[in-house]
């Protein structure tokens, strides 16, 4: 199986991630503004909802919807990128990948297992296709995965707080905290995708040069 270039997919992943980052920053700013206004509203004697407060809530809802759509698109493109990077292992190492293309995708959606199986697969793709002189990605991998799991746990906490008797304060804490951790996860993912794509390209170029170098040496 020939090497498949990751450049176009990488660019789309990075573009969509950048859009998601911008939407998340706007969403966090509206959430903080709404939190402040909600606190003032609850503590005031006249419990009257202002038009500005309603506008902030509407803007936040629209931003969250847009970010969800962009996030779904980003996930789809990312999964295509990961499947292609996994298939490239045969061209880069001469050995087939340990996980099928279907497994690469399915493990992301299996409860509990999605906390560790996609991490194992991504780490294998990187470790088997990286140039020997390339710097280690493990600190970035570990940080990205820790923040991704923390973001998911904060999302569950936010949902629980929304439908329980917890004070509204905790709902906002979990909501804004999840958004902030999601920003860090997105930045780390941005760097990991960029680095893994560059590593595979460098390995492929080194393999392409090897026959010519060997011919020149023997000639």
N, C-alpha and C. Protein backbone atom coordinates (compact mmCIF):
# COMPACT_ATOMS: atom_id res chain seq x y z
N UNK A 1 0.85 -1.19 0.00
CA UNK A 1 0.00 0.00 0.00
C UNK A 1 0.88 1.25 0.00
N UNK A 2 0.71 2.15 -0.99
CA UNK A 2 1.58 3.33 -1.08
C UNK A 2 1.30 4.34 0.03
N UNK A 3 2.29 5.19 0.26
CA UNK A 3 2.14 6.24 1.25
C UNK A 3 1.11 7.26 0.78
N UNK A 4 0.20 7.65 1.68
CA UNK A 4 -0.82 8.66 1.37
C UNK A 4 -0.49 9.95 2.10
N UNK A 5 -0.38 11.03 1.33
CA UNK A 5 0.00 12.31 1.92
C UNK A 5 -1.10 12.81 2.87
N UNK A 6 -0.69 13.36 4.01
CA UNK A 6 -1.62 13.84 5.03
C UNK A 6 -1.81 15.35 5.00
N UNK A 7 -1.13 16.03 4.09
CA UNK A 7 -1.06 17.48 4.14
C UNK A 7 -2.44 18.15 4.03
N UNK A 8 -3.25 17.73 3.05
CA UNK A 8 -4.54 18.40 2.86
C UNK A 8 -5.47 18.15 4.05
N UNK A 9 -5.49 16.91 4.54
CA UNK A 9 -6.33 16.61 5.70
C UNK A 9 -5.83 17.36 6.93
N UNK A 10 -4.52 17.43 7.09
CA UNK A 10 -3.95 18.16 8.23
C UNK A 10 -4.39 19.62 8.20
N UNK A 11 -4.35 20.23 7.02
CA UNK A 11 -4.75 21.64 6.91
C UNK A 11 -6.20 21.84 7.31
N UNK A 12 -7.07 20.90 6.89
CA UNK A 12 -8.49 21.03 7.24
C UNK A 12 -8.71 20.83 8.74
N UNK A 13 -8.01 19.87 9.32
CA UNK A 13 -8.12 19.68 10.77
C UNK A 13 -7.69 20.94 11.50
N UNK A 14 -6.59 21.53 11.10
CA UNK A 14 -6.07 22.72 11.76
C UNK A 14 -7.01 23.91 11.56
N UNK A 15 -7.56 24.06 10.35
CA UNK A 15 -8.48 25.17 10.11
C UNK A 15 -9.74 25.06 10.97
N UNK A 16 -10.33 23.87 10.99
CA UNK A 16 -11.54 23.67 11.77
C UNK A 16 -11.26 23.82 13.27
N UNK A 17 -10.09 23.35 13.70
CA UNK A 17 -9.72 23.52 15.11
C UNK A 17 -9.57 24.99 15.45
N UNK A 18 -8.99 25.76 14.54
CA UNK A 18 -8.82 27.20 14.77
C UNK A 18 -10.18 27.90 14.86
N UNK A 19 -11.12 27.51 13.99
CA UNK A 19 -12.47 28.09 14.05
C UNK A 19 -13.14 27.73 15.38
N UNK A 20 -12.99 26.46 15.78
CA UNK A 20 -13.56 26.03 17.06
C UNK A 20 -12.97 26.79 18.23
N UNK A 21 -11.66 27.05 18.18
CA UNK A 21 -11.02 27.82 19.24
C UNK A 21 -11.62 29.23 19.33
N UNK A 22 -11.81 29.86 18.18
CA UNK A 22 -12.39 31.20 18.17
C UNK A 22 -13.80 31.22 18.73
N UNK A 23 -14.62 30.24 18.32
CA UNK A 23 -15.99 30.16 18.83
C UNK A 23 -16.01 29.88 20.33
N UNK A 24 -15.10 29.04 20.80
CA UNK A 24 -15.04 28.72 22.23
C UNK A 24 -14.65 29.95 23.05
N UNK A 25 -13.71 30.74 22.55
CA UNK A 25 -13.31 31.97 23.25
C UNK A 25 -14.48 32.93 23.37
N UNK A 26 -15.24 33.08 22.27
CA UNK A 26 -16.42 33.94 22.31
C UNK A 26 -17.46 33.40 23.28
N UNK A 27 -17.64 32.08 23.25
CA UNK A 27 -18.63 31.44 24.12
C UNK A 27 -18.26 31.64 25.59
N UNK A 28 -16.97 31.51 25.91
CA UNK A 28 -16.53 31.71 27.30
C UNK A 28 -16.75 33.16 27.73
N UNK A 29 -16.48 34.10 26.84
CA UNK A 29 -16.68 35.52 27.20
C UNK A 29 -18.15 35.81 27.47
N UNK A 30 -19.04 35.24 26.65
CA UNK A 30 -20.48 35.42 26.88
C UNK A 30 -20.92 34.70 28.14
N UNK A 31 -20.32 33.54 28.43
CA UNK A 31 -20.69 32.78 29.63
C UNK A 31 -20.30 33.56 30.89
N UNK A 32 -19.10 34.15 30.90
CA UNK A 32 -18.67 34.94 32.05
C UNK A 32 -19.55 36.17 32.22
N UNK A 33 -19.87 36.81 31.08
CA UNK A 33 -20.76 37.98 31.12
C UNK A 33 -22.13 37.59 31.66
N UNK A 34 -22.65 36.46 31.19
CA UNK A 34 -23.96 36.00 31.65
C UNK A 34 -23.94 35.61 33.12
N UNK A 35 -22.82 34.99 33.56
CA UNK A 35 -22.68 34.61 34.97
C UNK A 35 -22.74 35.85 35.86
N UNK A 36 -22.02 36.90 35.45
CA UNK A 36 -22.02 38.14 36.23
C UNK A 36 -23.41 38.75 36.30
N UNK A 37 -24.09 38.79 35.14
CA UNK A 37 -25.42 39.38 35.09
C UNK A 37 -26.43 38.54 35.89
N UNK A 38 -26.26 37.21 35.81
CA UNK A 38 -27.16 36.33 36.55
C UNK A 38 -26.97 36.50 38.05
N UNK A 39 -25.73 36.66 38.48
CA UNK A 39 -25.44 36.87 39.90
C UNK A 39 -26.05 38.17 40.38
N UNK A 40 -25.91 39.23 39.60
CA UNK A 40 -26.50 40.52 39.96
C UNK A 40 -28.02 40.43 39.99
N UNK A 41 -28.59 39.67 39.07
CA UNK A 41 -30.04 39.53 38.98
C UNK A 41 -30.59 38.80 40.21
N UNK A 42 -29.90 37.73 40.61
CA UNK A 42 -30.35 36.95 41.76
C UNK A 42 -30.24 37.75 43.05
N UNK A 43 -29.19 38.57 43.15
CA UNK A 43 -28.97 39.33 44.38
C UNK A 43 -29.75 40.65 44.43
N UNK A 44 -30.37 41.02 43.34
CA UNK A 44 -31.11 42.28 43.32
C UNK A 44 -32.51 42.10 43.88
N UNK A 45 -33.10 43.18 44.32
CA UNK A 45 -34.46 43.12 44.86
C UNK A 45 -35.49 43.04 43.73
N UNK A 46 -35.19 43.68 42.63
CA UNK A 46 -36.11 43.64 41.48
C UNK A 46 -35.65 42.55 40.52
N UNK A 47 -36.33 41.41 40.57
CA UNK A 47 -35.94 40.25 39.75
C UNK A 47 -36.52 40.43 38.35
N UNK A 48 -35.87 41.32 37.57
CA UNK A 48 -36.35 41.61 36.22
C UNK A 48 -35.24 41.27 35.23
N UNK A 49 -35.58 40.45 34.24
CA UNK A 49 -34.60 40.05 33.23
C UNK A 49 -34.48 41.14 32.19
N UNK A 50 -33.27 41.65 32.00
CA UNK A 50 -33.05 42.73 31.04
C UNK A 50 -32.93 42.17 29.63
N UNK A 51 -33.21 43.01 28.61
CA UNK A 51 -33.03 42.57 27.22
C UNK A 51 -31.59 42.17 26.90
N UNK A 52 -30.62 42.86 27.52
CA UNK A 52 -29.21 42.52 27.30
C UNK A 52 -28.89 41.11 27.79
N UNK A 53 -29.48 40.75 28.94
CA UNK A 53 -29.25 39.42 29.49
C UNK A 53 -29.83 38.34 28.57
N UNK A 54 -31.03 38.58 28.05
CA UNK A 54 -31.64 37.64 27.12
C UNK A 54 -30.83 37.54 25.83
N UNK A 55 -30.30 38.69 25.39
CA UNK A 55 -29.47 38.69 24.18
C UNK A 55 -28.19 37.90 24.39
N UNK A 56 -27.61 38.01 25.59
CA UNK A 56 -26.39 37.24 25.90
C UNK A 56 -26.67 35.75 25.89
N UNK A 57 -27.81 35.34 26.45
CA UNK A 57 -28.18 33.93 26.46
C UNK A 57 -28.39 33.40 25.05
N UNK A 58 -29.07 34.20 24.21
CA UNK A 58 -29.30 33.79 22.82
C UNK A 58 -27.99 33.67 22.05
N UNK A 59 -27.10 34.66 22.24
CA UNK A 59 -25.80 34.63 21.55
C UNK A 59 -25.00 33.41 22.00
N UNK A 60 -25.05 33.11 23.28
CA UNK A 60 -24.31 31.94 23.80
C UNK A 60 -24.85 30.65 23.20
N UNK A 61 -26.18 30.54 23.14
CA UNK A 61 -26.79 29.33 22.56
C UNK A 61 -26.40 29.18 21.09
N UNK A 62 -26.40 30.28 20.34
CA UNK A 62 -26.04 30.23 18.92
C UNK A 62 -24.57 29.86 18.75
N UNK A 63 -23.71 30.41 19.61
CA UNK A 63 -22.28 30.07 19.54
C UNK A 63 -22.06 28.59 19.86
N UNK A 64 -22.76 28.08 20.87
CA UNK A 64 -22.62 26.67 21.24
C UNK A 64 -23.08 25.76 20.10
N UNK A 65 -24.18 26.15 19.43
CA UNK A 65 -24.66 25.34 18.30
C UNK A 65 -23.65 25.35 17.15
N UNK A 66 -23.13 26.54 16.83
CA UNK A 66 -22.12 26.65 15.77
C UNK A 66 -20.88 25.85 16.11
N UNK A 67 -20.46 25.92 17.37
CA UNK A 67 -19.25 25.20 17.80
C UNK A 67 -19.47 23.69 17.74
N UNK A 68 -20.70 23.25 18.04
CA UNK A 68 -21.00 21.83 17.97
C UNK A 68 -20.90 21.33 16.53
N UNK A 69 -21.44 22.11 15.58
CA UNK A 69 -21.38 21.74 14.17
C UNK A 69 -19.94 21.68 13.69
N UNK A 70 -19.15 22.72 14.04
CA UNK A 70 -17.73 22.75 13.65
C UNK A 70 -16.98 21.58 14.30
N UNK A 71 -17.32 21.28 15.56
CA UNK A 71 -16.68 20.18 16.25
C UNK A 71 -16.94 18.84 15.60
N UNK A 72 -18.18 18.63 15.14
CA UNK A 72 -18.53 17.38 14.45
C UNK A 72 -17.75 17.27 13.14
N UNK A 73 -17.69 18.37 12.38
CA UNK A 73 -16.93 18.38 11.12
C UNK A 73 -15.45 18.10 11.39
N UNK A 74 -14.92 18.72 12.44
CA UNK A 74 -13.51 18.53 12.80
C UNK A 74 -13.25 17.08 13.18
N UNK A 75 -14.17 16.48 13.93
CA UNK A 75 -14.01 15.07 14.32
C UNK A 75 -14.00 14.16 13.10
N UNK A 76 -14.90 14.42 12.15
CA UNK A 76 -14.96 13.59 10.93
C UNK A 76 -13.65 13.68 10.16
N UNK A 77 -13.17 14.91 9.94
CA UNK A 77 -11.92 15.09 9.19
C UNK A 77 -10.75 14.49 9.96
N UNK A 78 -10.75 14.66 11.29
CA UNK A 78 -9.68 14.09 12.10
C UNK A 78 -9.65 12.57 12.00
N UNK A 79 -10.82 11.93 12.02
CA UNK A 79 -10.87 10.47 11.93
C UNK A 79 -10.36 9.99 10.57
N UNK A 80 -10.70 10.73 9.50
CA UNK A 80 -10.17 10.38 8.17
C UNK A 80 -8.65 10.52 8.18
N UNK A 81 -8.16 11.60 8.80
CA UNK A 81 -6.70 11.81 8.92
C UNK A 81 -6.07 10.66 9.69
N UNK A 82 -6.67 10.25 10.80
CA UNK A 82 -6.08 9.19 11.62
C UNK A 82 -6.09 7.85 10.88
N UNK A 83 -7.18 7.56 10.17
CA UNK A 83 -7.25 6.31 9.40
C UNK A 83 -6.14 6.29 8.35
N UNK A 84 -5.95 7.41 7.66
CA UNK A 84 -4.90 7.47 6.64
C UNK A 84 -3.52 7.34 7.26
N UNK A 85 -3.30 8.01 8.39
CA UNK A 85 -2.00 7.91 9.07
C UNK A 85 -1.74 6.48 9.53
N UNK A 86 -2.78 5.80 9.96
CA UNK A 86 -2.65 4.40 10.39
C UNK A 86 -2.31 3.50 9.20
N UNK A 87 -2.96 3.73 8.07
CA UNK A 87 -2.67 2.93 6.87
C UNK A 87 -1.25 3.16 6.38
N UNK A 88 -0.73 4.36 6.61
CA UNK A 88 0.62 4.68 6.15
C UNK A 88 1.70 3.85 6.84
N UNK A 89 1.36 3.22 7.96
CA UNK A 89 2.36 2.45 8.68
C UNK A 89 2.97 1.34 7.82
N UNK A 90 2.15 0.75 6.95
CA UNK A 90 2.68 -0.32 6.10
C UNK A 90 3.72 0.24 5.13
N UNK A 91 3.42 1.41 4.53
CA UNK A 91 4.37 2.01 3.58
C UNK A 91 5.63 2.49 4.28
N UNK A 92 5.50 2.92 5.52
CA UNK A 92 6.64 3.52 6.23
C UNK A 92 7.49 2.50 6.98
N UNK A 93 6.89 1.36 7.36
CA UNK A 93 7.63 0.38 8.18
C UNK A 93 7.73 -1.00 7.52
N UNK A 94 6.92 -1.23 6.51
CA UNK A 94 6.90 -2.56 5.90
C UNK A 94 6.07 -3.56 6.68
N UNK A 95 5.49 -3.14 7.79
CA UNK A 95 4.64 -3.99 8.62
C UNK A 95 3.24 -3.40 8.67
N UNK A 96 2.21 -4.24 8.64
CA UNK A 96 0.84 -3.72 8.69
C UNK A 96 0.54 -3.12 10.06
N UNK A 97 -0.40 -2.17 10.11
CA UNK A 97 -0.78 -1.60 11.42
C UNK A 97 -1.44 -2.66 12.29
N UNK A 98 -1.31 -2.53 13.59
CA UNK A 98 -1.88 -3.51 14.52
C UNK A 98 -3.40 -3.37 14.61
N UNK A 99 -3.92 -2.21 14.23
CA UNK A 99 -5.36 -1.95 14.35
C UNK A 99 -5.93 -1.64 12.96
N UNK A 100 -7.10 -2.19 12.68
CA UNK A 100 -7.75 -1.94 11.39
C UNK A 100 -8.29 -0.52 11.33
N UNK A 101 -8.65 -0.09 10.11
CA UNK A 101 -9.23 1.25 9.95
C UNK A 101 -10.54 1.36 10.71
N UNK A 102 -11.33 0.27 10.71
CA UNK A 102 -12.60 0.29 11.44
C UNK A 102 -12.36 0.46 12.94
N UNK A 103 -11.35 -0.24 13.47
CA UNK A 103 -11.06 -0.14 14.91
C UNK A 103 -10.61 1.27 15.28
N UNK A 104 -9.84 1.90 14.39
CA UNK A 104 -9.37 3.27 14.64
C UNK A 104 -10.56 4.19 14.91
N UNK A 105 -11.64 4.01 14.14
CA UNK A 105 -12.82 4.86 14.27
C UNK A 105 -13.71 4.41 15.43
N UNK A 106 -13.98 3.11 15.51
CA UNK A 106 -14.97 2.61 16.46
C UNK A 106 -14.56 2.85 17.91
N UNK A 107 -13.28 2.71 18.22
CA UNK A 107 -12.85 2.86 19.62
C UNK A 107 -13.15 4.23 20.19
N UNK A 108 -13.28 5.25 19.34
CA UNK A 108 -13.62 6.59 19.83
C UNK A 108 -15.02 6.66 20.42
N UNK A 109 -15.87 5.69 20.07
CA UNK A 109 -17.28 5.77 20.45
C UNK A 109 -17.70 4.67 21.43
N UNK A 110 -16.74 3.92 21.93
CA UNK A 110 -17.03 2.85 22.89
C UNK A 110 -16.90 3.42 24.31
N UNK A 111 -17.97 3.37 25.12
CA UNK A 111 -17.88 3.92 26.48
C UNK A 111 -16.73 3.31 27.26
N UNK A 112 -16.11 4.11 28.11
CA UNK A 112 -14.97 3.77 28.95
C UNK A 112 -13.73 3.49 28.10
N UNK A 113 -13.84 2.60 27.10
CA UNK A 113 -12.67 2.25 26.29
C UNK A 113 -12.14 3.46 25.52
N UNK A 114 -13.02 4.43 25.22
CA UNK A 114 -12.53 5.59 24.46
C UNK A 114 -11.62 6.48 25.30
N UNK A 115 -11.50 6.17 26.60
CA UNK A 115 -10.56 6.91 27.44
C UNK A 115 -9.12 6.44 27.25
N UNK A 116 -8.94 5.25 26.70
CA UNK A 116 -7.55 4.78 26.57
C UNK A 116 -7.22 4.16 25.21
N UNK A 117 -8.18 3.52 24.51
CA UNK A 117 -7.85 2.85 23.25
C UNK A 117 -7.41 3.82 22.14
N UNK A 118 -8.11 4.94 21.90
CA UNK A 118 -7.62 5.87 20.88
C UNK A 118 -6.23 6.42 21.22
N UNK A 119 -5.97 6.60 22.51
CA UNK A 119 -4.63 7.05 22.94
C UNK A 119 -3.57 6.02 22.54
N UNK A 120 -3.86 4.75 22.79
CA UNK A 120 -2.91 3.68 22.46
C UNK A 120 -2.66 3.63 20.95
N UNK A 121 -3.73 3.77 20.17
CA UNK A 121 -3.60 3.71 18.71
C UNK A 121 -2.80 4.90 18.18
N UNK A 122 -3.13 6.10 18.64
CA UNK A 122 -2.39 7.29 18.20
C UNK A 122 -0.92 7.21 18.58
N UNK A 123 -0.66 6.72 19.79
CA UNK A 123 0.73 6.60 20.23
C UNK A 123 1.48 5.59 19.37
N UNK A 124 0.81 4.49 18.98
CA UNK A 124 1.45 3.51 18.11
C UNK A 124 1.76 4.09 16.73
N UNK A 125 0.78 4.84 16.18
CA UNK A 125 1.00 5.45 14.87
C UNK A 125 2.21 6.37 14.91
N UNK A 126 2.28 7.19 15.95
CA UNK A 126 3.41 8.12 16.06
C UNK A 126 4.73 7.37 16.25
N UNK A 127 4.77 6.42 17.20
CA UNK A 127 6.04 5.78 17.55
C UNK A 127 6.59 4.94 16.41
N UNK A 128 5.71 4.35 15.58
CA UNK A 128 6.18 3.48 14.50
C UNK A 128 6.53 4.24 13.23
N UNK A 129 6.13 5.50 13.12
CA UNK A 129 6.38 6.22 11.88
C UNK A 129 7.23 7.47 12.06
N UNK A 130 7.69 7.73 13.28
CA UNK A 130 8.48 8.94 13.51
C UNK A 130 9.93 8.74 13.07
N UNK A 131 10.58 9.79 12.59
CA UNK A 131 12.02 9.70 12.32
C UNK A 131 12.77 9.47 13.63
N UNK A 132 13.86 8.76 13.56
CA UNK A 132 14.60 8.42 14.77
C UNK A 132 15.10 9.65 15.52
N UNK A 133 15.38 10.73 14.78
CA UNK A 133 15.91 11.94 15.41
C UNK A 133 14.83 12.91 15.86
N UNK A 134 13.56 12.59 15.60
CA UNK A 134 12.47 13.51 15.95
C UNK A 134 12.30 13.58 17.47
N UNK A 135 12.01 14.77 17.99
CA UNK A 135 11.79 14.89 19.44
C UNK A 135 10.54 14.14 19.87
N UNK A 136 10.51 13.73 21.12
CA UNK A 136 9.40 12.93 21.62
C UNK A 136 8.12 13.76 21.72
N UNK A 137 7.01 13.11 21.37
CA UNK A 137 5.70 13.75 21.50
C UNK A 137 4.97 13.30 22.77
N UNK A 138 5.57 12.42 23.56
CA UNK A 138 4.87 11.84 24.70
C UNK A 138 4.37 12.88 25.69
N UNK A 139 5.14 13.91 26.05
CA UNK A 139 4.58 14.92 26.97
C UNK A 139 3.33 15.58 26.41
N UNK A 140 3.34 15.90 25.10
CA UNK A 140 2.16 16.49 24.47
C UNK A 140 1.00 15.50 24.44
N UNK A 141 1.30 14.25 24.08
CA UNK A 141 0.26 13.21 24.07
C UNK A 141 -0.41 13.11 25.43
N UNK A 142 0.40 12.99 26.47
CA UNK A 142 -0.14 12.79 27.81
C UNK A 142 -0.96 14.00 28.26
N UNK A 143 -0.45 15.20 27.99
CA UNK A 143 -1.17 16.41 28.38
C UNK A 143 -2.49 16.52 27.61
N UNK A 144 -2.45 16.21 26.30
CA UNK A 144 -3.66 16.28 25.48
C UNK A 144 -4.71 15.30 26.01
N UNK A 145 -4.27 14.09 26.34
CA UNK A 145 -5.24 13.07 26.77
C UNK A 145 -5.80 13.38 28.14
N UNK A 146 -4.95 13.89 29.04
CA UNK A 146 -5.43 14.27 30.37
C UNK A 146 -6.49 15.36 30.28
N UNK A 147 -6.23 16.40 29.48
CA UNK A 147 -7.19 17.49 29.37
C UNK A 147 -8.47 17.04 28.66
N UNK A 148 -8.35 16.11 27.70
CA UNK A 148 -9.54 15.61 27.00
C UNK A 148 -10.46 14.86 27.96
N UNK A 149 -9.89 14.01 28.81
CA UNK A 149 -10.69 13.27 29.79
C UNK A 149 -11.27 14.23 30.83
N UNK A 150 -10.48 15.21 31.26
CA UNK A 150 -10.98 16.19 32.23
C UNK A 150 -12.13 16.99 31.64
N UNK A 151 -12.03 17.36 30.36
CA UNK A 151 -13.10 18.09 29.69
C UNK A 151 -14.39 17.27 29.68
N UNK A 152 -14.26 15.98 29.38
CA UNK A 152 -15.45 15.12 29.36
C UNK A 152 -16.08 15.00 30.75
N UNK A 153 -15.24 14.86 31.77
CA UNK A 153 -15.76 14.75 33.14
C UNK A 153 -16.46 16.04 33.56
N UNK A 154 -15.92 17.18 33.16
CA UNK A 154 -16.56 18.46 33.48
C UNK A 154 -17.89 18.60 32.74
N UNK A 155 -17.97 18.04 31.52
CA UNK A 155 -19.24 18.05 30.79
C UNK A 155 -20.29 17.23 31.54
N UNK A 156 -19.90 16.04 32.02
CA UNK A 156 -20.83 15.23 32.80
C UNK A 156 -21.25 15.95 34.08
N UNK A 157 -20.29 16.61 34.73
CA UNK A 157 -20.60 17.35 35.95
C UNK A 157 -21.58 18.50 35.66
N UNK A 158 -21.38 19.16 34.52
CA UNK A 158 -22.28 20.25 34.13
C UNK A 158 -23.69 19.73 33.89
N UNK A 159 -23.80 18.60 33.20
CA UNK A 159 -25.12 18.02 32.95
C UNK A 159 -25.80 17.60 34.25
N UNK A 160 -25.01 17.02 35.16
CA UNK A 160 -25.56 16.61 36.45
C UNK A 160 -26.06 17.84 37.23
N UNK A 161 -25.23 18.90 37.25
CA UNK A 161 -25.61 20.11 37.99
C UNK A 161 -26.85 20.76 37.39
N UNK A 162 -27.00 20.66 36.07
CA UNK A 162 -28.14 21.28 35.40
C UNK A 162 -29.46 20.62 35.76
N UNK A 163 -29.42 19.32 36.05
CA UNK A 163 -30.66 18.57 36.32
C UNK A 163 -30.76 18.11 37.78
N UNK A 164 -29.97 18.72 38.64
CA UNK A 164 -30.01 18.35 40.06
C UNK A 164 -30.31 19.59 40.90
N UNK A 165 -30.23 19.44 42.21
CA UNK A 165 -30.53 20.54 43.12
C UNK A 165 -29.30 21.38 43.47
N UNK A 166 -28.20 21.17 42.77
CA UNK A 166 -27.01 21.98 43.04
C UNK A 166 -27.28 23.44 42.71
N UNK A 167 -26.60 24.33 43.41
CA UNK A 167 -26.77 25.76 43.15
C UNK A 167 -26.32 26.11 41.73
N UNK A 168 -26.94 27.17 41.18
CA UNK A 168 -26.63 27.59 39.82
C UNK A 168 -25.14 27.91 39.65
N UNK A 169 -24.50 28.29 40.76
CA UNK A 169 -23.07 28.63 40.73
C UNK A 169 -22.25 27.48 40.17
N UNK A 170 -22.55 26.25 40.62
CA UNK A 170 -21.76 25.10 40.19
C UNK A 170 -22.01 24.76 38.72
N UNK A 171 -23.22 25.00 38.25
CA UNK A 171 -23.50 24.78 36.83
C UNK A 171 -22.59 25.65 35.97
N UNK A 172 -22.43 26.91 36.36
CA UNK A 172 -21.57 27.82 35.61
C UNK A 172 -20.10 27.46 35.74
N UNK A 173 -19.70 27.03 36.95
CA UNK A 173 -18.30 26.64 37.16
C UNK A 173 -17.93 25.48 36.24
N UNK A 174 -18.77 24.43 36.22
CA UNK A 174 -18.49 23.27 35.38
C UNK A 174 -18.56 23.62 33.90
N UNK A 175 -19.49 24.50 33.54
CA UNK A 175 -19.65 24.89 32.14
C UNK A 175 -18.43 25.65 31.65
N UNK A 176 -18.07 26.72 32.34
CA UNK A 176 -16.93 27.54 31.92
C UNK A 176 -15.63 26.75 32.06
N UNK A 177 -15.52 25.94 33.13
CA UNK A 177 -14.32 25.11 33.30
C UNK A 177 -14.14 24.14 32.15
N UNK A 178 -15.24 23.51 31.72
CA UNK A 178 -15.17 22.57 30.59
C UNK A 178 -14.75 23.27 29.31
N UNK A 179 -15.30 24.48 29.09
CA UNK A 179 -14.93 25.25 27.90
C UNK A 179 -13.44 25.61 27.92
N UNK A 180 -12.96 26.03 29.08
CA UNK A 180 -11.55 26.44 29.20
C UNK A 180 -10.61 25.26 28.99
N UNK A 181 -10.94 24.12 29.59
CA UNK A 181 -10.11 22.92 29.41
C UNK A 181 -10.18 22.47 27.95
N UNK A 182 -11.36 22.62 27.33
CA UNK A 182 -11.51 22.27 25.91
C UNK A 182 -10.60 23.10 25.02
N UNK A 183 -10.39 24.37 25.39
CA UNK A 183 -9.47 25.22 24.63
C UNK A 183 -8.05 24.65 24.68
N UNK A 184 -7.62 24.25 25.88
CA UNK A 184 -6.28 23.68 26.03
C UNK A 184 -6.16 22.39 25.23
N UNK A 185 -7.19 21.55 25.30
CA UNK A 185 -7.18 20.29 24.54
C UNK A 185 -7.07 20.55 23.04
N UNK A 186 -7.82 21.55 22.56
CA UNK A 186 -7.80 21.87 21.13
C UNK A 186 -6.42 22.34 20.69
N UNK A 187 -5.77 23.19 21.51
CA UNK A 187 -4.43 23.68 21.17
C UNK A 187 -3.43 22.53 21.12
N UNK A 188 -3.49 21.64 22.12
CA UNK A 188 -2.58 20.49 22.16
C UNK A 188 -2.84 19.55 20.98
N UNK A 189 -4.11 19.33 20.65
CA UNK A 189 -4.44 18.48 19.50
C UNK A 189 -3.92 19.08 18.21
N UNK A 190 -4.03 20.39 18.10
CA UNK A 190 -3.52 21.14 16.95
C UNK A 190 -2.04 20.83 16.74
N UNK A 191 -1.28 20.91 17.82
CA UNK A 191 0.17 20.68 17.74
C UNK A 191 0.47 19.21 17.43
N UNK A 192 -0.26 18.28 18.06
CA UNK A 192 -0.02 16.85 17.85
C UNK A 192 -0.27 16.47 16.40
N UNK A 193 -1.39 16.92 15.82
CA UNK A 193 -1.70 16.60 14.42
C UNK A 193 -0.63 17.17 13.50
N UNK A 194 -0.22 18.39 13.77
CA UNK A 194 0.81 19.01 12.93
C UNK A 194 2.13 18.24 13.01
N UNK A 195 2.53 17.87 14.23
CA UNK A 195 3.81 17.17 14.42
C UNK A 195 3.77 15.76 13.83
N UNK A 196 2.68 15.03 14.05
CA UNK A 196 2.60 13.67 13.52
C UNK A 196 2.60 13.67 12.00
N UNK A 197 1.90 14.63 11.40
CA UNK A 197 1.88 14.73 9.93
C UNK A 197 3.28 15.02 9.40
N UNK A 198 3.98 15.95 10.06
CA UNK A 198 5.34 16.30 9.64
C UNK A 198 6.30 15.11 9.80
N UNK A 199 6.13 14.36 10.90
CA UNK A 199 7.00 13.19 11.13
C UNK A 199 6.81 12.13 10.05
N UNK A 200 5.54 11.85 9.71
CA UNK A 200 5.30 10.84 8.67
C UNK A 200 5.86 11.30 7.32
N UNK A 201 5.68 12.57 7.01
CA UNK A 201 6.20 13.10 5.74
C UNK A 201 7.72 13.00 5.70
N UNK A 202 8.37 13.32 6.81
CA UNK A 202 9.83 13.26 6.86
C UNK A 202 10.33 11.82 6.71
N UNK A 203 9.64 10.88 7.34
CA UNK A 203 10.01 9.47 7.21
C UNK A 203 9.82 8.99 5.77
N UNK A 204 8.70 9.39 5.15
CA UNK A 204 8.43 8.99 3.76
C UNK A 204 9.49 9.56 2.81
N UNK A 205 9.89 10.80 3.03
CA UNK A 205 10.91 11.41 2.18
C UNK A 205 12.26 10.73 2.37
N UNK A 206 12.57 10.34 3.60
CA UNK A 206 13.83 9.63 3.86
C UNK A 206 13.85 8.28 3.17
N UNK A 207 12.71 7.57 3.17
CA UNK A 207 12.62 6.28 2.50
C UNK A 207 12.74 6.43 0.99
N UNK A 208 12.17 7.53 0.46
CA UNK A 208 12.25 7.76 -0.98
C UNK A 208 13.67 8.08 -1.43
N UNK A 209 14.45 8.72 -0.56
CA UNK A 209 15.84 9.06 -0.90
C UNK A 209 16.78 7.86 -0.74
N UNK A 210 16.39 6.90 0.06
CA UNK A 210 17.30 5.79 0.40
C UNK A 210 17.79 5.01 -0.82
N UNK A 211 16.93 4.62 -1.80
CA UNK A 211 17.44 3.86 -2.96
C UNK A 211 18.47 4.65 -3.76
N UNK A 212 18.22 5.96 -3.95
CA UNK A 212 19.16 6.77 -4.71
C UNK A 212 20.50 6.88 -3.99
N UNK A 213 20.43 7.03 -2.66
CA UNK A 213 21.67 7.12 -1.88
C UNK A 213 22.44 5.81 -1.94
N UNK A 214 21.69 4.68 -1.88
CA UNK A 214 22.34 3.36 -1.94
C UNK A 214 22.98 3.13 -3.30
N UNK A 215 22.27 3.55 -4.38
CA UNK A 215 22.81 3.41 -5.73
C UNK A 215 24.08 4.24 -5.90
N UNK A 216 24.05 5.47 -5.35
CA UNK A 216 25.23 6.35 -5.46
C UNK A 216 26.42 5.77 -4.69
N UNK A 217 26.11 5.17 -3.53
CA UNK A 217 27.18 4.59 -2.72
C UNK A 217 27.80 3.38 -3.41
N UNK A 218 26.97 2.56 -4.07
CA UNK A 218 27.46 1.36 -4.75
C UNK A 218 28.10 1.69 -6.09
N UNK A 219 27.68 2.84 -6.65
CA UNK A 219 28.22 3.21 -7.96
C UNK A 219 29.63 3.71 -7.84
